[in-house]
Amino acid sequence: MPTVVQLPAGKVLTVRAAADAFLDSLRNPNTVRSYSTGVGKTAERIGECRPLGSVADDEIGEALELLWGTAAVNTWNARRAAVLSWLGWCAEYGYDGPSVPAWTKRLAVPDSETPARSKMAVDRLIARRDVHLREKTLWRMLYETCARAEEILGVNIEDLDLGARRCPVKAKGARSKARRRGQAREDFVLETVYWDAGTARLLPRLLKGRTWGPVFVTHRRPGPGKVVSPRDVCPDTGMARLSYGQARALLDEHTAVHGPGTGWDLHEYRHSGLTELGVQGASLLMLMAKSRHKKPENVRRYFKPSHEAISELTSLLAPGDARR
């Protein structure tokens, strides 16, 4: 149930008052943070002290264009969505105000520019002798699970089901579990990721008998001034959880050809794994189940078959027995 907010009675509702009331009605703190920028800056642009009913639709559109007309597509869509929700909420509660004009359309999200590496390239990188066991295991696990790097880096040993080759992860945008009467809990709805033989061979060697704490840890203890959650420290070694920035730097160190920052990105393993599964004939529904995407168009952006794969597919159209 949405939070009921008492709006000013007996006087004109200003732009600022409407914005504050809308943001106060949101229960999810992540949504509040996301919407605050779009709603707050738009309110400033059109004039916070003005009566909301005096604002024209085109003024909203012009504010959006001036603030985010040259921004990335995802940024534009996010800010537009925030303002759309705000003004829709005001209309729902019976307060006169503008609407987002039809000419400020939601933009189509472009295809991702993240490359997909071939299975051979992934195998060769992980097989290199100069790559540490920790990196080998992380990269293989990212590739086989097709999970996001933050999800795998956040896994603890006690979460692993080594026999079934799977574990739960806190996914991107994970929903909080709800108690009765609507109270939010501190834990989240988890999703399951699966790996195969490559990861299964490496994990026991990496863990070396450890049974608790982060799967992937640094090679140093945290400094004396750094506050670390008990969940993020190995109780056996005292080593802290490997961070996303550290993992990204290690991958770049082993793959950069034209200097620091030019190597592979951790997210490429997710793209590469899903592309390989698609090339091998996995259906769209199975790819969605593996990636845990809710929309088919999001999976499509991850599927980037090579020229060789498309050429091989095209050979199916050759006449008679002319297939090479």
C-alpha atoms as a PDB file:
ATOM      1  CA  MET A   1       0.000   0.000   0.000  1.00  0.00           C
ATOM      2  CA  PRO A   2       1.401   3.495  -0.850  1.00  0.00           C
ATOM      3  CA  THR A   3       2.081   5.898   1.979  1.00  0.00           C
ATOM      4  CA  VAL A   4      -0.675   8.475   2.446  1.00  0.00           C
ATOM      5  CA  VAL A   5       0.773  11.992   2.552  1.00  0.00           C
ATOM      6  CA  GLN A   6      -1.137  14.952   3.948  1.00  0.00           C
ATOM      7  CA  LEU A   7      -1.015  17.703   1.332  1.00  0.00           C
ATOM      8  CA  PRO A   8      -1.497  21.367   2.154  1.00  0.00           C
ATOM      9  CA  ALA A   9      -5.190  22.209   2.517  1.00  0.00           C
ATOM     10  CA  GLY A  10      -6.897  25.512   1.875  1.00  0.00           C
ATOM     11  CA  LYS A  11      -4.090  26.987  -0.227  1.00  0.00           C
ATOM     12  CA  VAL A  12      -2.540  26.652  -3.655  1.00  0.00           C
ATOM     13  CA  LEU A  13      -0.195  23.690  -4.051  1.00  0.00           C
ATOM     14  CA  THR A  14       3.200  24.924  -5.200  1.00  0.00           C
ATOM     15  CA  VAL A  15       5.585  23.020  -7.428  1.00  0.00           C
ATOM     16  CA  ARG A  16       7.962  22.425  -4.507  1.00  0.00           C
ATOM     17  CA  ALA A  17       5.208  21.232  -2.183  1.00  0.00           C
ATOM     18  CA  ALA A  18       3.930  18.816  -4.823  1.00  0.00           C
ATOM     19  CA  ALA A  19       7.439  17.451  -5.416  1.00  0.00           C
ATOM     20  CA  ASP A  20       8.107  16.983  -1.690  1.00  0.00           C
ATOM     21  CA  ALA A  21       4.749  15.311  -1.102  1.00  0.00           C
ATOM     22  CA  PHE A  22       5.331  12.896  -3.976  1.00  0.00           C
ATOM     23  CA  LEU A  23       8.822  11.931  -2.828  1.00  0.00           C
ATOM     24  CA  ASP A  24       7.590  11.496   0.754  1.00  0.00           C
ATOM     25  CA  SER A  25       4.958   9.050  -0.490  1.00  0.00           C
ATOM     26  CA  LEU A  26       7.587   6.648  -1.857  1.00  0.00           C
ATOM     27  CA  ARG A  27       8.471   3.764   0.418  1.00  0.00           C
ATOM     28  CA  ASN A  28      11.519   2.353  -1.349  1.00  0.00           C
ATOM     29  CA  PRO A  29      14.667   4.383  -0.509  1.00  0.00           C
ATOM     30  CA  ASN A  30      16.277   3.388  -3.821  1.00  0.00           C
ATOM     31  CA  THR A  31      13.300   4.806  -5.704  1.00  0.00           C
ATOM     32  CA  VAL A  32      13.485   8.005  -3.657  1.00  0.00           C
ATOM     33  CA  ARG A  33      17.156   8.453  -4.544  1.00  0.00           C
ATOM     34  CA  SER A  34      16.507   7.732  -8.210  1.00  0.00           C
ATOM     35  CA  TYR A  35      13.463  10.018  -8.525  1.00  0.00           C
ATOM     36  CA  SER A  36      14.840  12.893  -6.437  1.00  0.00           C
ATOM     37  CA  THR A  37      17.170  14.057  -9.191  1.00  0.00           C
ATOM     38  CA  GLY A  38      14.589  14.073 -11.970  1.00  0.00           C
ATOM     39  CA  VAL A  39      11.773  15.582  -9.915  1.00  0.00           C
ATOM     40  CA  GLY A  40      13.964  18.005  -7.960  1.00  0.00           C
ATOM     41  CA  LYS A  41      15.811  19.495 -10.928  1.00  0.00           C
ATOM     42  CA  THR A  42      12.638  19.759 -12.996  1.00  0.00           C
ATOM     43  CA  ALA A  43      10.913  21.583 -10.132  1.00  0.00           C
ATOM     44  CA  GLU A  44      13.835  24.010  -9.881  1.00  0.00           C
ATOM     45  CA  ARG A  45      13.798  24.618 -13.616  1.00  0.00           C
ATOM     46  CA  ILE A  46      10.093  25.473 -13.893  1.00  0.00           C
ATOM     47  CA  GLY A  47      10.046  27.491 -10.638  1.00  0.00           C
ATOM     48  CA  GLU A  48       9.528  25.960  -7.215  1.00  0.00           C
ATOM     49  CA  CYS A  49       7.291  28.722  -5.839  1.00  0.00           C
ATOM     50  CA  ARG A  50       4.833  28.706  -8.726  1.00  0.00           C
ATOM     51  CA  PRO A  51       1.392  27.152  -8.341  1.00  0.00           C
ATOM     52  CA  LEU A  52       1.512  23.702  -9.881  1.00  0.00           C
ATOM     53  CA  GLY A  53      -1.683  24.415 -11.833  1.00  0.00           C
ATOM     54  CA  SER A  54      -0.030  27.353 -13.636  1.00  0.00           C
ATOM     55  CA  VAL A  55       2.612  25.177 -15.312  1.00  0.00           C
ATOM     56  CA  ALA A  56       1.965  24.249 -18.953  1.00  0.00           C
ATOM     57  CA  ASP A  57       2.684  20.848 -20.459  1.00  0.00           C
ATOM     58  CA  ASP A  58       5.241  22.287 -22.865  1.00  0.00           C
ATOM     59  CA  GLU A  59       7.146  23.838 -19.962  1.00  0.00           C
ATOM     60  CA  ILE A  60       7.672  20.362 -18.564  1.00  0.00           C
ATOM     61  CA  GLY A  61       8.877  19.121 -21.945  1.00  0.00           C
ATOM     62  CA  GLU A  62      11.227  22.086 -22.373  1.00  0.00           C
ATOM     63  CA  ALA A  63      12.667  21.544 -18.892  1.00  0.00           C
ATOM     64  CA  LEU A  64      13.342  17.890 -19.663  1.00  0.00           C
ATOM     65  CA  GLU A  65      14.977  18.800 -22.978  1.00  0.00           C
ATOM     66  CA  LEU A  66      17.183  21.479 -21.444  1.00  0.00           C
ATOM     67  CA  LEU A  67      18.242  19.314 -18.509  1.00  0.00           C
ATOM     68  CA  TRP A  68      18.733  15.925 -20.170  1.00  0.00           C
ATOM     69  CA  GLY A  69      18.159  16.357 -23.906  1.00  0.00           C
ATOM     70  CA  THR A  70      21.802  15.518 -24.667  1.00  0.00           C
ATOM     71  CA  ALA A  71      22.245  12.906 -21.926  1.00  0.00           C
ATOM     72  CA  ALA A  72      22.535   9.155 -22.471  1.00  0.00           C
ATOM     73  CA  VAL A  73      19.358   7.347 -23.504  1.00  0.00           C
ATOM     74  CA  ASN A  74      19.021   5.536 -20.178  1.00  0.00           C
ATOM     75  CA  THR A  75      19.436   8.807 -18.277  1.00  0.00           C
ATOM     76  CA  TRP A  76      16.791  10.545 -20.374  1.00  0.00           C
ATOM     77  CA  ASN A  77      14.352   7.666 -19.917  1.00  0.00           C
ATOM     78  CA  ALA A  78      14.943   7.521 -16.158  1.00  0.00           C
ATOM     79  CA  ARG A  79      14.441  11.264 -15.601  1.00  0.00           C
ATOM     80  CA  ARG A  80      11.385  11.354 -17.859  1.00  0.00           C
ATOM     81  CA  ALA A  81       9.899   8.382 -16.001  1.00  0.00           C
ATOM     82  CA  ALA A  82      10.430  10.108 -12.644  1.00  0.00           C
ATOM     83  CA  VAL A  83       8.637  13.269 -13.776  1.00  0.00           C
ATOM     84  CA  LEU A  84       5.882  11.200 -15.400  1.00  0.00           C
ATOM     85  CA  SER A  85       5.285   9.358 -12.113  1.00  0.00           C
ATOM     86  CA  TRP A  86       5.286  12.611 -10.152  1.00  0.00           C
ATOM     87  CA  LEU A  87       2.720  14.362 -12.326  1.00  0.00           C
ATOM     88  CA  GLY A  88       0.613  11.216 -12.599  1.00  0.00           C
ATOM     89  CA  TRP A  89       0.572  10.956  -8.807  1.00  0.00           C
ATOM     90  CA  CYS A  90      -0.598  14.582  -8.504  1.00  0.00           C
ATOM     91  CA  ALA A  91      -3.401  13.976 -11.015  1.00  0.00           C
ATOM     92  CA  GLU A  92      -4.450  10.819  -9.163  1.00  0.00           C
ATOM     93  CA  TYR A  93      -4.867  12.815  -5.947  1.00  0.00           C
ATOM     94  CA  GLY A  94      -6.959  15.448  -7.717  1.00  0.00           C
ATOM     95  CA  TYR A  95      -4.467  18.314  -7.939  1.00  0.00           C
ATOM     96  CA  ASP A  96      -4.428  20.357 -11.118  1.00  0.00           C
ATOM     97  CA  GLY A  97      -1.133  20.324 -12.899  1.00  0.00           C
ATOM     98  CA  PRO A  98       0.636  19.720 -16.196  1.00  0.00           C
ATOM     99  CA  SER A  99       1.397  16.448 -17.969  1.00  0.00           C
ATOM    100  CA  VAL A 100       4.504  15.267 -19.750  1.00  0.00           C
ATOM    101  CA  PRO A 101       3.837  16.276 -23.396  1.00  0.00           C
ATOM    102  CA  ALA A 102       3.596  13.596 -26.065  1.00  0.00           C
ATOM    103  CA  TRP A 103       6.557  15.000 -27.983  1.00  0.00           C
ATOM    104  CA  THR A 104       8.973  14.097 -25.176  1.00  0.00           C
ATOM    105  CA  LYS A 105       8.945  10.430 -26.050  1.00  0.00           C
ATOM    106  CA  ARG A 106      10.697   7.580 -24.309  1.00  0.00           C
ATOM    107  CA  LEU A 107      13.756   6.670 -26.377  1.00  0.00           C
ATOM    108  CA  ALA A 108      14.587   3.166 -27.533  1.00  0.00           C
ATOM    109  CA  VAL A 109      17.570   1.764 -25.657  1.00  0.00           C
ATOM    110  CA  PRO A 110      20.469   1.210 -28.072  1.00  0.00           C
ATOM    111  CA  ASP A 111      22.257  -2.105 -28.371  1.00  0.00           C
ATOM    112  CA  SER A 112      24.978  -2.564 -25.781  1.00  0.00           C
ATOM    113  CA  GLU A 113      28.532  -1.889 -26.986  1.00  0.00           C
ATOM    114  CA  THR A 114      29.982  -4.477 -24.607  1.00  0.00           C
ATOM    115  CA  PRO A 115      31.729  -7.090 -26.778  1.00  0.00           C
ATOM    116  CA  ALA A 116      31.174 -10.829 -26.515  1.00  0.00           C
ATOM    117  CA  ARG A 117      34.366 -12.883 -26.369  1.00  0.00           C
ATOM    118  CA  SER A 118      34.580 -16.273 -28.038  1.00  0.00           C
ATOM    119  CA  LYS A 119      34.644 -19.433 -25.930  1.00  0.00           C
ATOM    120  CA  MET A 120      38.163 -20.095 -27.187  1.00  0.00           C
ATOM    121  CA  ALA A 121      39.359 -16.659 -26.065  1.00  0.00           C
ATOM    122  CA  VAL A 122      37.830 -17.165 -22.606  1.00  0.00           C
ATOM    123  CA  ASP A 123      39.379 -20.623 -22.263  1.00  0.00           C
ATOM    124  CA  ARG A 124      42.805 -19.406 -23.362  1.00  0.00           C
ATOM    125  CA  LEU A 125      42.808 -16.513 -20.902  1.00  0.00           C
ATOM    126  CA  ILE A 126      41.804 -18.688 -17.951  1.00  0.00           C
ATOM    127  CA  ALA A 127      44.391 -21.337 -18.916  1.00  0.00           C
ATOM    128  CA  ARG A 128      47.322 -18.902 -18.786  1.00  0.00           C
ATOM    129  CA  ARG A 129      49.958 -19.828 -16.204  1.00  0.00           C
ATOM    130  CA  ASP A 130      50.444 -16.240 -15.041  1.00  0.00           C
ATOM    131  CA  VAL A 131      46.796 -15.977 -13.950  1.00  0.00           C
ATOM    132  CA  HIS A 132      46.218 -16.609 -10.229  1.00  0.00           C
ATOM    133  CA  LEU A 133      43.793 -19.328  -9.110  1.00  0.00           C
ATOM    134  CA  ARG A 134      41.462 -16.723  -7.621  1.00  0.00           C
ATOM    135  CA  GLU A 135      41.111 -14.919 -10.955  1.00  0.00           C
ATOM    136  CA  LYS A 136      40.737 -18.193 -12.874  1.00  0.00           C
ATOM    137  CA  THR A 137      37.882 -19.233 -10.593  1.00  0.00           C
ATOM    138  CA  LEU A 138      36.141 -15.850 -10.695  1.00  0.00           C
ATOM    139  CA  TRP A 139      36.312 -15.539 -14.473  1.00  0.00           C
ATOM    140  CA  ARG A 140      35.183 -19.126 -15.050  1.00  0.00           C
ATOM    141  CA  MET A 141      32.317 -18.688 -12.594  1.00  0.00           C
ATOM    142  CA  LEU A 142      31.207 -15.433 -14.250  1.00  0.00           C
ATOM    143  CA  TYR A 143      31.254 -17.112 -17.655  1.00  0.00           C
ATOM    144  CA  GLU A 144      29.391 -20.266 -16.635  1.00  0.00           C
ATOM    145  CA  THR A 145      26.783 -18.566 -14.443  1.00  0.00           C
ATOM    146  CA  CYS A 146      26.273 -15.591 -16.834  1.00  0.00           C
ATOM    147  CA  ALA A 147      25.793 -13.616 -13.618  1.00  0.00           C
ATOM    148  CA  ARG A 148      26.711 -10.022 -12.887  1.00  0.00           C
ATOM    149  CA  ALA A 149      30.113  -9.506 -11.302  1.00  0.00           C
ATOM    150  CA  GLU A 150      28.646  -7.826  -8.194  1.00  0.00           C
ATOM    151  CA  GLU A 151      26.437 -10.869  -7.620  1.00  0.00           C
ATOM    152  CA  ILE A 152      29.286 -13.381  -7.722  1.00  0.00           C
ATOM    153  CA  LEU A 153      31.684 -11.216  -5.712  1.00  0.00           C
ATOM    154  CA  GLY A 154      28.996 -10.970  -3.003  1.00  0.00           C
ATOM    155  CA  VAL A 155      28.666 -14.755  -2.573  1.00  0.00           C
ATOM    156  CA  ASN A 156      29.850 -16.393   0.655  1.00  0.00           C
ATOM    157  CA  ILE A 157      31.115 -19.950   1.048  1.00  0.00           C
ATOM    158  CA  GLU A 158      28.165 -20.916   3.222  1.00  0.00           C
ATOM    159  CA  ASP A 159      25.864 -19.940   0.317  1.00  0.00           C
ATOM    160  CA  LEU A 160      27.423 -22.473  -2.074  1.00  0.00           C
ATOM    161  CA  ASP A 161      25.761 -25.767  -2.940  1.00  0.00           C
ATOM    162  CA  LEU A 162      28.837 -27.467  -4.383  1.00  0.00           C
ATOM    163  CA  GLY A 163      27.052 -30.747  -5.071  1.00  0.00           C
ATOM    164  CA  ALA A 164      24.250 -29.157  -7.088  1.00  0.00           C
ATOM    165  CA  ARG A 165      26.625 -26.544  -8.581  1.00  0.00           C
ATOM    166  CA  ARG A 166      24.464 -23.566  -7.688  1.00  0.00           C
ATOM    167  CA  CYS A 167      24.032 -20.774  -5.143  1.00  0.00           C
ATOM    168  CA  PRO A 168      21.625 -17.921  -4.358  1.00  0.00           C
ATOM    169  CA  VAL A 169      22.646 -14.342  -5.139  1.00  0.00           C
ATOM    170  CA  LYS A 170      21.247 -10.929  -4.333  1.00  0.00           C
ATOM    171  CA  ALA A 171      20.315  -9.786  -7.818  1.00  0.00           C
ATOM    172  CA  LYS A 172      20.288  -6.309  -9.286  1.00  0.00           C
ATOM    173  CA  GLY A 173      17.173  -4.482  -8.062  1.00  0.00           C
ATOM    174  CA  ALA A 174      16.369  -7.288  -5.614  1.00  0.00           C
ATOM    175  CA  ARG A 175      13.015  -6.807  -3.885  1.00  0.00           C
ATOM    176  CA  SER A 176      12.932  -6.647  -0.098  1.00  0.00           C
ATOM    177  CA  LYS A 177      10.992  -9.404   1.567  1.00  0.00           C
ATOM    178  CA  ALA A 178       7.852  -8.052   3.200  1.00  0.00           C
ATOM    179  CA  ARG A 179       6.493  -8.763   6.639  1.00  0.00           C
ATOM    180  CA  ARG A 180       2.839  -8.692   7.504  1.00  0.00           C
ATOM    181  CA  ARG A 181       1.376  -5.227   7.836  1.00  0.00           C
ATOM    182  CA  GLY A 182       3.767  -4.014   5.152  1.00  0.00           C
ATOM    183  CA  GLN A 183       6.954  -3.685   7.189  1.00  0.00           C
ATOM    184  CA  ALA A 184      10.094  -4.172   5.106  1.00  0.00           C
ATOM    185  CA  ARG A 185      12.670  -6.743   6.118  1.00  0.00           C
ATOM    186  CA  GLU A 186      16.434  -6.394   5.841  1.00  0.00           C
ATOM    187  CA  ASP A 187      16.793  -9.542   3.703  1.00  0.00           C
ATOM    188  CA  PHE A 188      15.933  -9.830   0.046  1.00  0.00           C
ATOM    189  CA  VAL A 189      14.338 -12.147  -2.454  1.00  0.00           C
ATOM    190  CA  LEU A 190      17.299 -14.127  -3.803  1.00  0.00           C
ATOM    191  CA  GLU A 191      17.829 -15.654  -7.247  1.00  0.00           C
ATOM    192  CA  THR A 192      19.758 -18.801  -8.116  1.00  0.00           C
ATOM    193  CA  VAL A 193      22.743 -19.044 -10.462  1.00  0.00           C
ATOM    194  CA  TYR A 194      24.251 -22.266 -11.814  1.00  0.00           C
ATOM    195  CA  TRP A 195      27.774 -23.262 -12.885  1.00  0.00           C
ATOM    196  CA  ASP A 196      29.304 -26.320 -14.503  1.00  0.00           C
ATOM    197  CA  ALA A 197      32.428 -28.492 -14.500  1.00  0.00           C
ATOM    198  CA  GLY A 198      35.003 -25.744 -15.034  1.00  0.00           C
ATOM    199  CA  THR A 199      33.967 -23.834 -11.927  1.00  0.00           C
ATOM    200  CA  ALA A 200      33.326 -27.071 -10.021  1.00  0.00           C
ATOM    201  CA  ARG A 201      36.966 -28.114 -10.525  1.00  0.00           C
ATOM    202  CA  LEU A 202      38.401 -24.776  -9.418  1.00  0.00           C
ATOM    203  CA  LEU A 203      36.267 -23.891  -6.396  1.00  0.00           C
ATOM    204  CA  PRO A 204      37.567 -26.594  -3.986  1.00  0.00           C
ATOM    205  CA  ARG A 205      41.159 -25.618  -4.794  1.00  0.00           C
ATOM    206  CA  LEU A 206      40.389 -21.966  -4.115  1.00  0.00           C
ATOM    207  CA  LEU A 207      38.566 -22.577  -0.830  1.00  0.00           C
ATOM    208  CA  LYS A 208      41.240 -24.945   0.617  1.00  0.00           C
ATOM    209  CA  GLY A 209      39.008 -26.167   3.399  1.00  0.00           C
ATOM    210  CA  ARG A 210      37.501 -22.764   4.293  1.00  0.00           C
ATOM    211  CA  THR A 211      33.843 -23.154   5.216  1.00  0.00           C
ATOM    212  CA  TRP A 212      32.752 -19.593   6.018  1.00  0.00           C
ATOM    213  CA  GLY A 213      33.159 -16.051   4.724  1.00  0.00           C
ATOM    214  CA  PRO A 214      33.596 -14.544   1.234  1.00  0.00           C
ATOM    215  CA  VAL A 215      34.464 -16.871  -1.620  1.00  0.00           C
ATOM    216  CA  PHE A 216      36.738 -14.281  -3.240  1.00  0.00           C
ATOM    217  CA  VAL A 217      39.054 -12.409  -0.875  1.00  0.00           C
ATOM    218  CA  THR A 218      41.992 -10.047  -1.219  1.00  0.00           C
ATOM    219  CA  HIS A 219      45.570 -11.060  -0.409  1.00  0.00           C
ATOM    220  CA  ARG A 220      45.811  -8.449   2.353  1.00  0.00           C
ATOM    221  CA  ARG A 221      44.065  -7.789   5.621  1.00  0.00           C
ATOM    222  CA  PRO A 222      41.988  -4.574   5.783  1.00  0.00           C
ATOM    223  CA  GLY A 223      43.869  -1.536   7.112  1.00  0.00           C
ATOM    224  CA  PRO A 224      43.445  -0.461  10.745  1.00  0.00           C
ATOM    225  CA  GLY A 225      41.234   2.500   9.855  1.00  0.00           C
ATOM    226  CA  LYS A 226      38.900   0.598   7.529  1.00  0.00           C
ATOM    227  CA  VAL A 227      35.542  -0.569   8.914  1.00  0.00           C
ATOM    228  CA  VAL A 228      34.476  -3.870   7.339  1.00  0.00           C
ATOM    229  CA  SER A 229      31.289  -5.837   7.943  1.00  0.00           C
ATOM    230  CA  PRO A 230      31.851  -9.252   9.591  1.00  0.00           C
ATOM    231  CA  ARG A 231      30.177 -10.871   6.557  1.00  0.00           C
ATOM    232  CA  ASP A 232      32.884  -9.370   4.329  1.00  0.00           C
ATOM    233  CA  VAL A 233      35.852 -10.835   6.212  1.00  0.00           C
ATOM    234  CA  CYS A 234      37.103 -14.423   6.156  1.00  0.00           C
ATOM    235  CA  PRO A 235      37.088 -15.664   9.791  1.00  0.00           C
ATOM    236  CA  ASP A 236      39.985 -18.045   9.062  1.00  0.00           C
ATOM    237  CA  THR A 237      42.425 -15.713   7.308  1.00  0.00           C
ATOM    238  CA  GLY A 238      41.156 -12.225   8.203  1.00  0.00           C
ATOM    239  CA  MET A 239      41.195 -11.284   4.517  1.00  0.00           C
ATOM    240  CA  ALA A 240      38.490  -8.947   3.233  1.00  0.00           C
ATOM    241  CA  ARG A 241      36.117  -9.543   0.335  1.00  0.00           C
ATOM    242  CA  LEU A 242      37.492  -8.762  -3.112  1.00  0.00           C
ATOM    243  CA  SER A 243      35.868  -5.567  -4.375  1.00  0.00           C
ATOM    244  CA  TYR A 244      34.492  -4.914  -7.853  1.00  0.00           C
ATOM    245  CA  GLY A 245      37.190  -2.289  -8.479  1.00  0.00           C
ATOM    246  CA  GLN A 246      39.979  -4.685  -7.535  1.00  0.00           C
ATOM    247  CA  ALA A 247      38.532  -7.475  -9.666  1.00  0.00           C
ATOM    248  CA  ARG A 248      38.146  -5.145 -12.636  1.00  0.00           C
ATOM    249  CA  ALA A 249      41.733  -3.934 -12.297  1.00  0.00           C
ATOM    250  CA  LEU A 250      43.052  -7.509 -12.174  1.00  0.00           C
ATOM    251  CA  LEU A 251      41.185  -8.445 -15.363  1.00  0.00           C
ATOM    252  CA  ASP A 252      42.443  -5.318 -17.103  1.00  0.00           C
ATOM    253  CA  GLU A 253      45.993  -6.100 -16.014  1.00  0.00           C
ATOM    254  CA  HIS A 254      45.869  -9.467 -17.785  1.00  0.00           C
ATOM    255  CA  THR A 255      44.033  -8.354 -20.934  1.00  0.00           C
ATOM    256  CA  ALA A 256      45.091  -4.753 -21.652  1.00  0.00           C
ATOM    257  CA  VAL A 257      47.013  -4.426 -24.899  1.00  0.00           C
ATOM    258  CA  HIS A 258      47.182  -0.653 -25.407  1.00  0.00           C
ATOM    259  CA  GLY A 259      47.845   0.385 -21.819  1.00  0.00           C
ATOM    260  CA  PRO A 260      45.864   0.413 -18.564  1.00  0.00           C
ATOM    261  CA  GLY A 261      42.102   0.630 -18.999  1.00  0.00           C
ATOM    262  CA  THR A 262      41.995  -0.943 -22.464  1.00  0.00           C
ATOM    263  CA  GLY A 263      41.461  -4.565 -21.405  1.00  0.00           C
ATOM    264  CA  TRP A 264      38.359  -6.668 -20.957  1.00  0.00           C
ATOM    265  CA  ASP A 265      35.508  -5.691 -18.677  1.00  0.00           C
ATOM    266  CA  LEU A 266      33.987  -8.055 -16.106  1.00  0.00           C
ATOM    267  CA  HIS A 267      30.548  -7.659 -17.690  1.00  0.00           C
ATOM    268  CA  GLU A 268      31.868  -9.159 -20.917  1.00  0.00           C
ATOM    269  CA  TYR A 269      31.691 -12.630 -19.363  1.00  0.00           C
ATOM    270  CA  ARG A 270      27.907 -12.279 -19.002  1.00  0.00           C
ATOM    271  CA  HIS A 271      27.578 -11.162 -22.622  1.00  0.00           C
ATOM    272  CA  SER A 272      29.961 -13.881 -23.801  1.00  0.00           C
ATOM    273  CA  GLY A 273      28.247 -16.702 -21.921  1.00  0.00           C
ATOM    274  CA  LEU A 274      24.761 -15.767 -23.116  1.00  0.00           C
ATOM    275  CA  THR A 275      25.979 -15.348 -26.691  1.00  0.00           C
ATOM    276  CA  GLU A 276      27.629 -18.791 -26.662  1.00  0.00           C
ATOM    277  CA  LEU A 277      24.451 -20.384 -25.304  1.00  0.00           C
ATOM    278  CA  GLY A 278      22.411 -18.658 -28.010  1.00  0.00           C
ATOM    279  CA  VAL A 279      24.774 -19.812 -30.752  1.00  0.00           C
ATOM    280  CA  GLN A 280      24.524 -23.363 -29.409  1.00  0.00           C
ATOM    281  CA  GLY A 281      20.752 -23.232 -29.872  1.00  0.00           C
ATOM    282  CA  ALA A 282      19.337 -22.176 -26.487  1.00  0.00           C
ATOM    283  CA  SER A 283      15.811 -20.795 -26.842  1.00  0.00           C
ATOM    284  CA  LEU A 284      14.864 -17.262 -25.883  1.00  0.00           C
ATOM    285  CA  LEU A 285      12.959 -18.532 -22.843  1.00  0.00           C
ATOM    286  CA  MET A 286      15.970 -20.527 -21.649  1.00  0.00           C
ATOM    287  CA  LEU A 287      18.261 -17.535 -22.140  1.00  0.00           C
ATOM    288  CA  MET A 288      15.861 -15.418 -20.088  1.00  0.00           C
ATOM    289  CA  ALA A 289      15.857 -18.076 -17.377  1.00  0.00           C
ATOM    290  CA  LYS A 290      19.655 -18.212 -17.375  1.00  0.00           C
ATOM    291  CA  SER A 291      20.174 -14.445 -17.387  1.00  0.00           C
ATOM    292  CA  ARG A 292      17.154 -13.796 -15.117  1.00  0.00           C
ATOM    293  CA  HIS A 293      15.971 -10.987 -17.372  1.00  0.00           C
ATOM    294  CA  LYS A 294      12.269 -10.228 -17.296  1.00  0.00           C
ATOM    295  CA  LYS A 295      12.017  -8.732 -20.789  1.00  0.00           C
ATOM    296  CA  PRO A 296      13.033 -10.418 -24.074  1.00  0.00           C
ATOM    297  CA  GLU A 297      14.465  -7.180 -25.489  1.00  0.00           C
ATOM    298  CA  ASN A 298      17.007  -7.039 -22.665  1.00  0.00           C
ATOM    299  CA  VAL A 299      18.295 -10.514 -23.528  1.00  0.00           C
ATOM    300  CA  ARG A 300      18.518  -9.562 -27.199  1.00  0.00           C
ATOM    301  CA  ARG A 301      21.048  -6.843 -26.355  1.00  0.00           C
ATOM    302  CA  TYR A 302      23.319  -9.514 -24.871  1.00  0.00           C
ATOM    303  CA  PHE A 303      23.238 -11.826 -27.877  1.00  0.00           C
ATOM    304  CA  LYS A 304      26.115 -10.935 -30.229  1.00  0.00           C
ATOM    305  CA  PRO A 305      26.971 -13.893 -32.488  1.00  0.00           C
ATOM    306  CA  SER A 306      30.250 -13.713 -34.381  1.00  0.00           C
ATOM    307  CA  HIS A 307      30.535 -13.325 -38.154  1.00  0.00           C
ATOM    308  CA  GLU A 308      31.642 -16.964 -38.317  1.00  0.00           C
ATOM    309  CA  ALA A 309      28.538 -18.139 -36.426  1.00  0.00           C
ATOM    310  CA  ILE A 310      26.225 -16.202 -38.755  1.00  0.00           C
ATOM    311  CA  SER A 311      28.103 -17.536 -41.774  1.00  0.00           C
ATOM    312  CA  GLU A 312      27.690 -21.088 -40.501  1.00  0.00           C
ATOM    313  CA  LEU A 313      23.979 -20.492 -39.977  1.00  0.00           C
ATOM    314  CA  THR A 314      23.658 -19.094 -43.501  1.00  0.00           C
ATOM    315  CA  SER A 315      25.158 -22.307 -44.890  1.00  0.00           C
ATOM    316  CA  LEU A 316      21.896 -24.041 -43.942  1.00  0.00           C
ATOM    317  CA  LEU A 317      20.284 -22.186 -46.853  1.00  0.00           C
ATOM    318  CA  ALA A 318      22.665 -23.608 -49.479  1.00  0.00           C
ATOM    319  CA  PRO A 319      20.993 -25.629 -52.248  1.00  0.00           C
ATOM    320  CA  GLY A 320      21.057 -29.407 -52.143  1.00  0.00           C
ATOM    321  CA  ASP A 321      24.275 -30.848 -50.696  1.00  0.00           C
ATOM    322  CA  ALA A 322      26.290 -27.658 -51.195  1.00  0.00           C
ATOM    323  CA  ARG A 323      26.711 -27.035 -47.464  1.00  0.00           C
ATOM    324  CA  ARG A 324      30.356 -26.655 -46.591  1.00  0.00           C
END
